Protein backbone atom coordinates (compact mmCIF):
# COMPACT_ATOMS: atom_id res chain seq x y z
CA MET A 1 56.90 -37.07 33.88
CA LYS A 2 55.99 -33.52 32.82
CA VAL A 3 55.06 -34.69 29.29
CA PHE A 4 52.89 -37.49 30.71
CA PHE A 5 51.01 -35.01 32.92
CA ILE A 6 50.21 -32.72 29.94
CA VAL A 7 48.92 -35.61 27.82
CA PHE A 8 46.84 -36.91 30.76
CA PHE A 9 45.36 -33.43 31.36
CA LEU A 10 44.36 -32.96 27.71
CA THR A 11 42.76 -36.42 27.55
CA PHE A 12 40.91 -35.85 30.82
CA SER A 13 39.64 -32.47 29.61
CA PHE A 14 38.43 -33.93 26.31
CA LEU A 15 36.46 -36.70 28.04
CA PHE A 16 34.55 -34.21 30.17
CA THR A 17 34.11 -31.33 27.75
CA GLY A 18 33.54 -33.22 24.45
CA CYS A 19 33.84 -31.66 20.99
CA PRO A 20 33.52 -27.86 20.65
CA ARG A 21 29.90 -26.82 20.03
CA VAL A 22 29.14 -25.99 16.40
CA GLU A 23 26.58 -23.20 15.99
CA LYS A 24 23.83 -24.08 13.51
CA GLU A 25 23.37 -21.63 10.66
CA LYS A 26 20.28 -19.43 10.96
CA VAL A 27 18.47 -17.68 8.12
CA ALA A 28 17.40 -14.10 8.85
CA VAL A 29 13.66 -13.51 8.33
CA GLU A 30 12.40 -9.94 8.80
CA PHE A 31 8.72 -8.92 8.81
CA TYR A 32 7.64 -5.24 8.73
CA VAL A 33 3.88 -5.01 9.22
CA MET A 34 0.78 -3.13 10.39
CA SER A 35 -1.26 -4.99 12.99
CA LYS A 36 -4.70 -4.41 11.42
CA CYS A 37 -3.67 -5.14 7.82
CA PRO A 38 -5.32 -8.33 6.47
CA PHE A 39 -2.20 -9.12 4.42
CA THR A 40 -0.19 -9.04 7.64
CA ALA A 41 -2.46 -11.71 9.11
CA GLN A 42 -2.08 -13.79 5.97
CA ALA A 43 1.73 -13.63 6.07
CA LEU A 44 1.93 -14.35 9.81
CA ASN A 45 -0.41 -17.32 9.39
CA GLY A 46 2.04 -18.66 6.80
CA ILE A 47 5.27 -18.09 8.72
CA THR A 48 4.05 -19.19 12.18
CA PRO A 49 4.04 -22.96 11.49
CA VAL A 50 7.47 -22.59 9.86
CA LEU A 51 8.83 -20.96 13.01
CA GLU A 52 7.27 -23.70 15.13
CA LYS A 53 8.95 -26.41 13.06
CA MET A 54 12.40 -24.88 12.53
CA GLY A 55 12.61 -21.88 14.86
CA ASP A 56 16.13 -22.74 16.05
CA ARG A 57 17.33 -22.38 12.42
CA ILE A 58 15.62 -19.01 11.82
CA ASP A 59 16.53 -15.56 13.15
CA PHE A 60 13.04 -14.01 13.11
CA LYS A 61 12.38 -10.30 13.64
CA LEU A 62 9.00 -8.57 13.61
CA ASP A 63 8.64 -4.78 13.44
CA PHE A 64 5.81 -2.35 12.79
CA ILE A 65 5.36 0.33 10.13
CA GLY A 66 4.23 3.79 11.17
CA THR A 67 5.41 7.33 11.77
CA GLU A 68 6.48 9.31 14.83
CA SER A 69 5.59 12.91 14.01
CA GLU A 70 6.99 14.11 17.34
CA PRO A 71 8.39 12.28 20.39
CA GLY A 72 5.72 9.94 21.74
CA LYS A 73 3.12 10.79 19.05
CA PHE A 74 2.58 7.94 16.59
CA GLN A 75 0.54 7.47 13.43
CA SER A 76 -0.41 4.42 11.39
CA MET A 77 -2.54 3.90 8.29
CA ARG A 78 -5.57 2.65 10.25
CA GLY A 79 -5.37 5.17 13.05
CA LYS A 80 -5.18 4.87 16.83
CA ASP A 81 -6.51 1.30 17.00
CA GLU A 82 -3.66 0.09 14.81
CA ILE A 83 -1.08 1.95 16.91
CA MET A 84 -2.53 0.28 20.02
CA GLY A 85 -2.46 -3.12 18.30
CA ASN A 86 1.17 -2.56 17.36
CA LYS A 87 2.05 -1.66 20.94
CA ILE A 88 0.25 -4.69 22.40
CA GLN A 89 2.05 -7.06 20.08
CA LEU A 90 5.45 -5.46 20.69
CA CYS A 91 4.93 -5.74 24.46
CA ALA A 92 3.98 -9.41 24.06
CA MET A 93 7.18 -10.00 22.07
CA GLU A 94 9.22 -8.23 24.75
CA TYR A 95 7.91 -10.13 27.77
CA PHE A 96 6.62 -13.41 26.35
CA PRO A 97 9.00 -14.39 23.50
CA ARG A 98 7.84 -18.02 23.60
CA LYS A 99 4.11 -17.24 23.54
CA TYR A 100 3.64 -14.03 21.59
CA LEU A 101 2.99 -15.79 18.28
CA ASP A 102 0.06 -17.62 19.88
CA LEU A 103 -1.37 -14.24 20.92
CA LEU A 104 -0.89 -12.78 17.42
CA SER A 105 -2.50 -15.82 15.79
CA CYS A 106 -5.52 -15.46 18.06
CA MET A 107 -5.88 -11.70 17.45
CA ASN A 108 -5.49 -12.16 13.69
CA LYS A 109 -8.57 -14.38 13.56
CA ASP A 110 -10.62 -11.22 14.03
CA ILE A 111 -8.32 -8.54 12.69
CA LYS A 112 -11.05 -5.89 12.49
CA ASN A 113 -11.50 -6.16 16.27
CA ILE A 114 -7.83 -5.40 17.09
CA PRO A 115 -7.08 -4.15 19.75
CA GLY A 116 -10.45 -4.99 21.31
CA ASN A 117 -9.79 -8.74 21.22
CA PHE A 118 -6.52 -8.52 23.15
CA GLU A 119 -7.81 -9.47 26.61
CA GLU A 120 -9.84 -12.42 25.35
CA CYS A 121 -6.86 -13.71 23.37
CA GLY A 122 -4.55 -13.08 26.34
CA LYS A 123 -6.70 -15.34 28.50
CA GLU A 124 -6.95 -17.96 25.75
CA THR A 125 -3.17 -18.14 25.29
CA GLY A 126 -2.23 -17.86 28.97
CA ILE A 127 -0.38 -14.54 28.66
CA ASN A 128 -0.28 -12.18 31.64
CA ILE A 129 -2.72 -9.45 30.55
CA GLY A 130 -1.72 -7.11 33.36
CA LYS A 131 1.94 -7.21 32.37
CA ILE A 132 1.11 -6.35 28.76
CA LYS A 133 -1.22 -3.52 29.83
CA GLU A 134 1.40 -2.02 32.08
CA CYS A 135 3.77 -2.05 29.11
CA PHE A 136 1.57 -0.62 26.34
CA GLU A 137 -0.03 2.01 28.55
CA GLY A 138 3.33 3.29 29.82
CA GLU A 139 6.66 4.61 28.66
CA LYS A 140 7.93 1.12 27.81
CA GLY A 141 5.30 0.75 25.09
CA LYS A 142 6.22 4.14 23.62
CA ALA A 143 9.89 3.21 23.56
CA LEU A 144 9.22 -0.16 21.92
CA ILE A 145 7.07 1.26 19.13
CA SER A 146 9.46 4.17 18.53
CA GLN A 147 12.39 1.79 18.11
CA SER A 148 10.34 -0.57 15.94
CA ILE A 149 9.21 2.21 13.59
CA LYS A 150 12.83 3.33 13.20
CA ARG A 151 13.90 -0.20 12.23
CA ALA A 152 11.07 -0.42 9.68
CA ASP A 153 11.97 2.99 8.32
CA ALA A 154 15.63 1.97 7.97
CA ARG A 155 14.42 -0.85 5.70
CA ASN A 156 12.26 1.65 3.76
CA ALA A 157 9.24 -0.50 4.61
CA LYS A 158 6.09 1.35 3.50
CA GLY A 159 3.64 -1.43 2.59
CA SER A 160 2.47 -4.23 4.87
CA PRO A 161 3.88 -6.80 4.89
CA THR A 162 7.40 -5.96 3.72
CA ILE A 163 9.48 -9.12 4.10
CA TYR A 164 13.19 -9.83 3.85
CA ILE A 165 14.65 -13.34 3.84
CA ALA A 166 18.42 -13.75 4.08
CA GLY A 167 18.77 -10.02 3.48
CA GLU A 168 16.83 -10.07 0.18
CA LEU A 169 13.41 -8.50 -0.38
CA TYR A 170 10.92 -11.35 -0.56
CA LYS A 171 8.13 -11.15 -3.18
CA GLN A 172 6.90 -14.73 -3.34
CA GLY A 173 3.80 -16.35 -1.83
CA ARG A 174 2.70 -16.25 1.79
CA THR A 175 1.75 -19.86 2.48
CA GLU A 176 3.73 -22.15 4.76
CA ALA A 177 5.15 -24.01 1.74
CA ASP A 178 6.16 -20.73 0.05
CA PHE A 179 8.14 -19.58 3.08
CA LEU A 180 9.70 -23.01 3.55
CA ARG A 181 10.93 -23.11 -0.04
CA GLU A 182 12.56 -19.68 0.21
CA ILE A 183 14.11 -20.23 3.64
CA CYS A 184 15.39 -23.70 2.81
CA GLY A 185 17.00 -22.39 -0.35
CA SER A 186 18.85 -19.72 1.65
CA TYR A 187 21.06 -22.01 3.78
CA GLU A 188 24.72 -21.98 2.80
CA THR A 189 25.41 -25.08 4.91
CA ALA A 190 23.25 -28.17 5.35
CA ALA A 191 19.54 -27.31 5.46
CA PRO A 192 17.26 -28.82 8.14
CA SER A 193 15.74 -32.21 7.36
CA ILE A 194 12.26 -30.67 6.96
CA CYS A 195 13.50 -29.05 3.74
CA ALA A 196 13.53 -32.45 2.02
CA ASP A 197 9.74 -32.76 2.27
CA ILE A 198 8.45 -29.46 0.86
CA PRO A 199 5.61 -30.03 -1.66
CA GLN A 200 6.29 -28.77 -5.17
CA PRO A 201 4.07 -25.89 -6.33
CA LYS A 202 1.20 -26.59 -8.70
CA GLU A 203 1.80 -25.61 -12.32
CA VAL A 204 -0.32 -22.60 -13.31
CA ILE A 205 -0.57 -21.53 -16.96
CA VAL A 206 -0.96 -17.80 -17.69
CA THR A 207 -0.91 -15.73 -20.88
CA MET A 208 0.00 -12.02 -20.86
CA LEU A 209 -1.28 -9.86 -23.71
CA SER A 210 0.37 -6.45 -23.99
CA ASP A 211 1.47 -3.85 -26.55
CA LYS A 212 5.05 -2.65 -26.96
CA ARG A 213 3.68 0.86 -27.67
CA CYS A 214 2.22 1.00 -24.16
CA LYS A 215 4.70 2.64 -21.77
CA GLU A 216 2.82 1.66 -18.60
CA CYS A 217 1.83 -1.93 -19.42
CA SER A 218 5.01 -3.62 -18.04
CA PRO A 219 4.09 -7.30 -18.55
CA GLU A 220 7.45 -8.39 -17.12
CA ARG A 221 6.64 -6.64 -13.83
CA LEU A 222 3.26 -8.38 -13.74
CA VAL A 223 4.98 -11.72 -14.25
CA GLN A 224 7.34 -11.05 -11.36
CA ASN A 225 4.49 -10.05 -9.05
CA LEU A 226 2.35 -13.05 -9.97
CA LYS A 227 5.20 -15.47 -9.35
CA GLY A 228 4.94 -14.36 -5.75
CA VAL A 229 1.38 -15.71 -5.73
CA PHE A 230 1.87 -18.72 -8.01
CA PRO A 231 5.43 -20.05 -7.63
CA GLY A 232 4.71 -22.80 -10.19
CA MET A 233 3.56 -20.33 -12.84
CA LYS A 234 4.39 -20.93 -16.52
CA HIS A 235 3.79 -17.86 -18.65
CA GLU A 236 3.74 -16.62 -22.25
CA ILE A 237 3.85 -12.92 -23.22
CA LEU A 238 2.09 -11.99 -26.48
CA ASP A 239 2.15 -8.59 -28.19
CA TYR A 240 -0.82 -6.97 -29.92
CA SER A 241 1.30 -6.46 -33.04
CA ASP A 242 1.74 -10.24 -33.47
CA PRO A 243 -0.98 -12.19 -35.36
CA LYS A 244 -1.52 -14.53 -32.41
CA GLY A 245 -1.77 -11.59 -30.01
CA LYS A 246 -4.20 -9.72 -32.26
CA GLU A 247 -6.48 -12.74 -32.56
CA LEU A 248 -6.52 -13.20 -28.80
CA TYR A 249 -7.33 -9.50 -28.36
CA LYS A 250 -10.27 -9.71 -30.80
CA GLU A 251 -11.63 -12.69 -28.89
CA PHE A 252 -11.64 -10.84 -25.56
CA ALA A 253 -12.69 -7.48 -27.04
CA ALA A 254 -15.80 -9.19 -28.41
CA LYS A 255 -16.66 -10.01 -24.79
CA GLY A 256 -16.25 -6.38 -23.72
CA HIS A 257 -12.61 -6.52 -22.54
CA GLU A 258 -10.74 -3.96 -24.66
CA LEU A 259 -7.89 -2.71 -22.47
CA LEU A 260 -4.31 -3.92 -22.09
CA PRO A 261 -2.44 -5.46 -20.45
CA MET A 262 -4.50 -8.63 -20.08
CA VAL A 263 -3.59 -11.45 -17.71
CA ILE A 264 -5.39 -14.64 -18.72
CA PHE A 265 -5.39 -17.83 -16.63
CA ASP A 266 -6.56 -21.31 -17.48
CA LYS A 267 -9.70 -22.15 -15.47
CA ASP A 268 -7.92 -24.68 -13.23
CA VAL A 269 -6.12 -21.78 -11.50
CA GLU A 270 -9.03 -22.05 -9.03
CA ASN A 271 -7.42 -25.22 -7.66
CA ASP A 272 -4.19 -23.46 -6.69
CA PRO A 273 -3.79 -22.24 -3.07
CA GLY A 274 -2.78 -18.80 -4.36
CA TYR A 275 -6.11 -18.31 -6.13
CA GLN A 276 -7.82 -16.95 -3.01
CA ARG A 277 -5.42 -14.00 -3.08
CA ILE A 278 -6.69 -12.89 -6.51
CA ALA A 279 -10.24 -14.32 -6.54
CA ARG A 280 -12.02 -10.98 -6.04
CA PHE A 281 -10.12 -9.48 -9.00
CA VAL A 282 -10.95 -12.28 -11.45
CA VAL A 283 -13.59 -12.20 -14.20
CA PRO A 284 -14.62 -15.50 -15.88
CA VAL A 285 -14.49 -15.30 -19.69
CA ASP A 286 -15.78 -18.53 -21.22
CA ASN A 287 -13.43 -21.26 -19.98
CA ARG A 288 -10.69 -18.86 -18.87
CA MET A 289 -10.13 -16.34 -16.09
CA LEU A 290 -9.19 -12.68 -16.72
CA LEU A 291 -7.37 -10.89 -13.92
CA ARG A 292 -8.29 -7.22 -13.49
CA VAL A 293 -4.98 -5.33 -13.23
CA GLY A 294 -6.08 -1.72 -13.75
CA ALA A 295 -5.61 -1.98 -17.52
CA LYS A 296 -5.86 1.38 -19.30
CA PHE A 297 -4.39 1.00 -22.81
CA ASN A 298 -6.69 0.52 -25.81
CA PRO A 299 -4.55 -0.59 -28.76
CA THR A 300 -7.20 0.43 -31.29
CA ARG A 301 -7.24 4.10 -30.22
CA GLU A 302 -4.94 7.01 -31.08
CA ILE A 303 -1.76 7.29 -29.01
CA CYS A 304 -1.57 10.97 -28.21
CA ASP A 305 2.16 11.67 -28.01
CA ASN A 306 3.95 9.57 -30.65
CA GLY A 307 3.55 11.75 -33.77
CA ILE A 308 1.82 8.92 -35.66
CA ASP A 309 -1.71 8.59 -37.04
CA ASP A 310 -2.44 5.33 -35.20
CA THR A 311 -6.10 5.07 -36.27
CA GLY A 312 -5.62 5.96 -39.93
CA ASN A 313 -8.18 8.78 -39.92
CA GLY A 314 -5.72 11.49 -40.97
CA LEU A 315 -5.63 13.04 -37.47
CA VAL A 316 -2.40 12.85 -35.46
CA ASP A 317 -2.08 12.89 -31.66
CA CYS A 318 -4.12 15.73 -30.06
CA GLU A 319 -5.97 16.39 -33.33
CA ASP A 320 -7.75 13.05 -32.89
CA PRO A 321 -10.98 13.03 -30.81
CA ASP A 322 -9.61 10.00 -28.93
CA CYS A 323 -7.18 12.36 -27.16
CA LYS A 324 -9.55 15.08 -25.96
CA ASP A 325 -9.42 13.90 -22.30
CA GLU A 326 -5.68 13.25 -22.17
CA LEU A 327 -3.63 15.56 -19.94
CA ILE A 328 -1.10 16.22 -22.68
CA CYS A 329 -3.86 17.61 -24.90
CA ARG A 330 -5.61 19.80 -22.33
CA GLU A 331 -5.50 23.59 -22.38
CA GLU A 332 -2.64 25.11 -20.35
CA LYS A 333 -3.99 27.14 -17.39
CA LYS A 334 -1.21 29.03 -15.65
CA LYS A 335 -1.08 29.09 -11.83
CA ARG A 336 -3.70 26.33 -11.51
CA LEU A 337 -2.99 23.57 -8.97
CA ASP A 338 -5.30 20.53 -8.73
CA LEU A 339 -5.01 17.97 -5.95
CA PHE A 340 -6.67 14.55 -6.40
CA VAL A 341 -7.23 12.68 -3.16
CA MET A 342 -8.90 10.01 -1.06
CA SER A 343 -9.80 11.80 2.17
CA LEU A 344 -8.85 8.96 4.57
CA CYS A 345 -5.44 8.29 3.01
CA PRO A 346 -2.59 9.24 5.43
CA PHE A 347 -0.51 10.57 2.51
CA THR A 348 -3.44 12.85 1.64
CA VAL A 349 -3.31 14.25 5.18
CA ARG A 350 0.40 15.01 4.75
CA ALA A 351 -0.24 16.70 1.40
CA PHE A 352 -2.99 18.85 2.91
CA ASN A 353 -0.73 19.79 5.83
CA ALA A 354 2.04 20.78 3.42
CA MET A 355 -0.41 23.09 1.64
CA LYS A 356 -0.49 25.38 4.70
CA GLU A 357 3.09 26.39 3.90
CA VAL A 358 2.61 26.36 0.12
CA LEU A 359 -0.45 28.61 0.17
CA ASP A 360 1.33 31.04 2.46
CA ALA A 361 4.39 31.12 0.15
CA PHE A 362 2.24 31.85 -2.93
CA LYS A 363 -0.34 34.12 -1.24
CA ASP A 364 0.58 37.05 -3.50
CA ASP A 365 0.63 35.00 -6.72
CA GLY A 366 -3.06 34.22 -7.19
CA LEU A 367 -2.60 30.46 -7.07
CA ASP A 368 -5.80 28.69 -8.17
CA PHE A 369 -5.98 25.68 -5.80
CA ASN A 370 -8.63 22.99 -6.38
CA ILE A 371 -9.41 19.71 -4.59
CA ASN A 372 -10.81 16.70 -6.44
CA TYR A 373 -11.89 13.41 -4.84
CA ILE A 374 -11.26 9.90 -6.14
CA ALA A 375 -14.33 7.66 -6.08
CA ASN A 376 -16.85 5.88 -8.32
CA GLU A 377 -20.63 6.17 -8.50
CA VAL A 378 -21.69 2.52 -8.87
CA GLU A 379 -25.40 3.30 -8.96
CA PRO A 380 -27.37 6.56 -8.61
CA GLY A 381 -26.43 8.12 -5.28
CA LYS A 382 -24.20 5.23 -4.18
CA PHE A 383 -20.42 5.72 -4.26
CA THR A 384 -17.39 3.52 -3.62
CA SER A 385 -13.89 4.52 -2.56
CA LEU A 386 -10.81 2.75 -1.25
CA GLY A 387 -11.69 3.84 2.29
CA ARG A 388 -15.27 2.59 1.78
CA ASP A 389 -18.33 4.27 3.28
CA LEU A 390 -16.37 6.22 5.92
CA GLU A 391 -14.32 7.85 3.17
CA VAL A 392 -17.34 8.61 0.98
CA LYS A 393 -19.02 10.37 3.92
CA GLU A 394 -15.89 12.40 4.69
CA ASN A 395 -15.51 13.36 1.01
CA LYS A 396 -19.06 14.76 1.09
CA ARG A 397 -18.44 16.69 4.33
CA GLN A 398 -15.29 18.29 2.93
CA LEU A 399 -17.07 19.23 -0.30
CA CYS A 400 -19.92 20.75 1.70
CA ALA A 401 -17.40 22.76 3.72
CA MET A 402 -15.85 24.01 0.46
CA LYS A 403 -19.22 25.12 -0.91
CA HIS A 404 -20.64 26.78 2.20
CA TYR A 405 -17.41 28.09 3.73
CA PRO A 406 -15.03 28.87 0.82
CA GLU A 407 -12.85 31.09 3.02
CA ASN A 408 -12.50 28.63 5.91
CA PHE A 409 -12.97 25.07 4.61
CA LEU A 410 -9.28 24.23 4.90
CA ASP A 411 -9.48 24.79 8.65
CA TYR A 412 -11.99 21.93 8.79
CA ILE A 413 -9.79 19.70 6.59
CA TRP A 414 -6.65 20.43 8.61
CA CYS A 415 -8.48 19.72 11.85
CA ARG A 416 -9.83 16.40 10.53
CA GLY A 417 -6.31 15.43 9.51
CA GLU A 418 -5.31 15.22 13.17
CA ASN A 419 -7.42 12.05 13.47
CA ILE A 420 -8.86 11.46 10.02
CA ARG A 421 -10.29 8.00 10.71
CA SER A 422 -12.28 9.06 13.73
CA PRO A 423 -16.05 9.22 13.05
CA GLU A 424 -16.19 12.22 15.40
CA TRP A 425 -16.03 15.06 12.87
CA LYS A 426 -18.21 17.69 14.54
CA PRO A 427 -15.48 19.07 16.86
CA CYS A 428 -13.75 20.28 13.65
CA ALA A 429 -16.83 22.29 12.58
CA THR A 430 -16.00 25.32 14.73
CA GLY A 431 -15.95 29.11 14.43
CA PRO A 432 -17.76 30.21 11.27
CA ILE A 433 -18.17 26.55 10.16
CA LYS A 434 -21.45 25.13 11.46
CA ALA A 435 -21.83 21.39 11.99
CA SER A 436 -25.58 21.58 11.29
CA VAL A 437 -24.94 23.06 7.83
CA ILE A 438 -22.30 20.43 6.97
CA GLU A 439 -24.53 17.63 8.25
CA LYS A 440 -27.61 18.71 6.29
CA CYS A 441 -25.58 19.14 3.12
CA SER A 442 -23.49 15.96 3.32
CA GLU A 443 -26.37 13.64 4.27
CA GLY A 444 -28.80 14.92 1.67
CA GLU A 445 -29.12 15.32 -2.08
CA GLU A 446 -26.77 18.29 -2.05
CA GLY A 447 -23.86 16.12 -0.89
CA ILE A 448 -24.63 13.50 -3.55
CA LYS A 449 -24.66 16.12 -6.30
CA LEU A 450 -21.45 17.75 -5.09
CA LEU A 451 -19.56 14.44 -5.00
CA ARG A 452 -21.01 13.25 -8.32
CA GLU A 453 -19.80 16.40 -10.05
CA ASN A 454 -16.44 16.55 -8.27
CA ILE A 455 -15.29 13.00 -9.09
CA LYS A 456 -15.73 13.54 -12.83
CA ALA A 457 -12.26 15.09 -13.09
CA ALA A 458 -10.44 12.08 -11.55
CA ASN A 459 -12.47 9.65 -13.65
CA SER A 460 -11.94 11.50 -16.94
CA LEU A 461 -8.17 11.61 -16.29
CA ASP A 462 -8.13 8.04 -14.92
CA ILE A 463 -6.41 9.17 -11.73
CA GLY A 464 -6.56 6.56 -8.98
CA ALA A 465 -3.59 7.28 -6.68
CA SER A 466 -3.90 9.66 -3.72
CA PRO A 467 -2.43 12.25 -3.60
CA THR A 468 -1.88 13.16 -7.27
CA TRP A 469 -1.12 16.72 -8.37
CA VAL A 470 -1.95 18.27 -11.75
CA ILE A 471 -0.13 21.51 -12.52
CA ASN A 472 -1.54 24.10 -14.95
CA ASN A 473 -4.34 21.72 -15.95
CA LYS A 474 -2.03 19.32 -17.81
CA HIS A 475 1.13 18.20 -15.95
CA ARG A 476 0.89 15.31 -13.47
CA ALA A 477 3.13 15.13 -10.38
CA SER A 478 3.41 13.48 -6.96
CA GLY A 479 4.86 14.27 -3.52
CA VAL A 480 3.74 15.33 -0.06
CA THR A 481 6.35 17.85 1.11
CA ALA A 482 5.95 21.61 0.76
CA GLU A 483 9.23 21.89 -1.15
CA ASP A 484 8.20 19.16 -3.62
CA ILE A 485 4.86 20.86 -4.28
CA LYS A 486 6.53 24.25 -4.72
CA ASN A 487 9.02 22.77 -7.19
CA HIS A 488 6.21 21.22 -9.25
CA ILE A 489 4.38 24.56 -9.40
CA CYS A 490 7.51 26.51 -10.30
CA ARG A 491 8.63 24.10 -12.98
CA TYR A 492 5.71 25.33 -15.10
CA ASN A 493 5.27 28.79 -13.50
CA PRO A 494 8.86 29.98 -12.90
CA ASP A 495 8.00 33.69 -12.54
CA LEU A 496 5.85 33.37 -9.41
CA LYS A 497 7.12 35.17 -6.29
CA GLY A 498 6.72 32.06 -4.14
CA CYS A 499 9.33 30.23 -6.24
CA SER A 500 12.14 32.16 -4.54
CA LYS A 501 11.20 30.83 -1.08
CA LYS A 502 12.67 27.76 0.60
CA LEU A 503 10.01 25.46 2.03
CA SER A 504 10.08 22.38 4.24
CA LYS A 505 11.60 19.24 2.74
CA ALA A 506 10.21 16.96 5.47
CA ALA A 507 6.57 15.90 5.58
CA SER A 508 4.30 15.90 8.60
CA GLY A 509 4.50 12.32 9.82
CA ARG A 510 8.07 11.97 8.49
CA ALA A 511 7.41 10.02 5.26
CA SER A 512 8.25 12.36 2.35
CA SER A 513 6.57 10.34 -0.40
CA GLY A 514 3.96 7.68 -1.01
CA ASN A 515 0.31 7.30 -1.98
CA CYS A 516 -2.76 5.21 -1.42
CA GLY A 517 -3.15 2.77 -4.27
CA SER A 518 -5.38 2.99 -7.27
CA ARG A 519 -8.97 1.81 -6.96
CA ARG A 520 -9.04 0.85 -10.64
């Protein structure tokens, strides 16, 4: 009777409880972004339909890149508006997990107007605006962004978007199909049925022309990066030393394209969805498309550090006129420190802040500190820079401060660094520095002449990353902490008194390295 009861109980339990629930495998997808970055919008536009179609099979996390210089004080590349945008979106994620992507999609349609488009998008998507406001204006918003920044920092996420799929750094395309392919390929068990219908990528033919003598050309790295844009890419790498490579070089050099590496697409690349991501960097050359990649190496000129007469004129390395502007061939000038910058770059601000400590440490050493700006003069009096017109104007103001107030100009620069993207610069023209003098100089011919002359150094050295340091007129270095800068100086000037001092190893804003990318 006892045995019968046990069997009956187990059968009864089975009928009412059924089989044990089997948890479906989820693929981890992590996004680390900045709310006003156009590439963020592009990536979110690609992943959103994927999440809508297979959200129960994806563990999606979204965090924001920034810095917390002190408790409750946050910084982001695009200033206060981006911090506010980050907070709004984090609060939406916290309180409206089923609707926040609709809000983000709406705001991303006009990314330049973030956070100003929040209320309109809140109404459009049916999200409680008051609840979000209460969050981002209060302590909750501060806590959310602080925690989010820490998670992004733990992943060493510096550029937006930084994406991980299944724990691996993702470098492929940002369309819906691109994300689907990567996510579907990451399941260890049966993938969702939608994975059977992913369209295959279009075949894109590309030829890389490089030179094995060029240390910076890295055609393999270019291939890897471009596969993220064109997953169906088929490539061939040619070297200048090969007959086929030399013929191809002559063909493009005759059209005015003399620098390597070259990335050459067939014309039908225009039909690929990824083309829009590179379109503004493409130059048509007959029936092909040349991608501008910041090429710098001319294979027909003297290489200045290999001990070989590359041009056959009997002059080796620095003896050859080709090398007169190369750092390695410049005259050594002890105790000289040059800083090359873009004024609106957040890493520039950190480098300038670090110089307070560096200049104090070397105050008895006669350090010759010079600031050089990175920009181009595209036509007489008209300049371009990565930070566009706002940056050009700020470059001029800082140069005018240097000329008219050589003893105090750094006070203006340090003050501007507290909110470098704000157009309100006059509050920083205080004490001996007069706003009227800076304004007259920077908005007139004097400002044009100062900037025109100043940018010659960066252009002659082909420096395009901010900040870049040049020590003793010939040794390039990078870094934004006081200790890093001191070490660069002392490597080539070991007898200076300041070399014995220990300086800060942490940068203002927490990130200890980084730069704003080349404009070339």
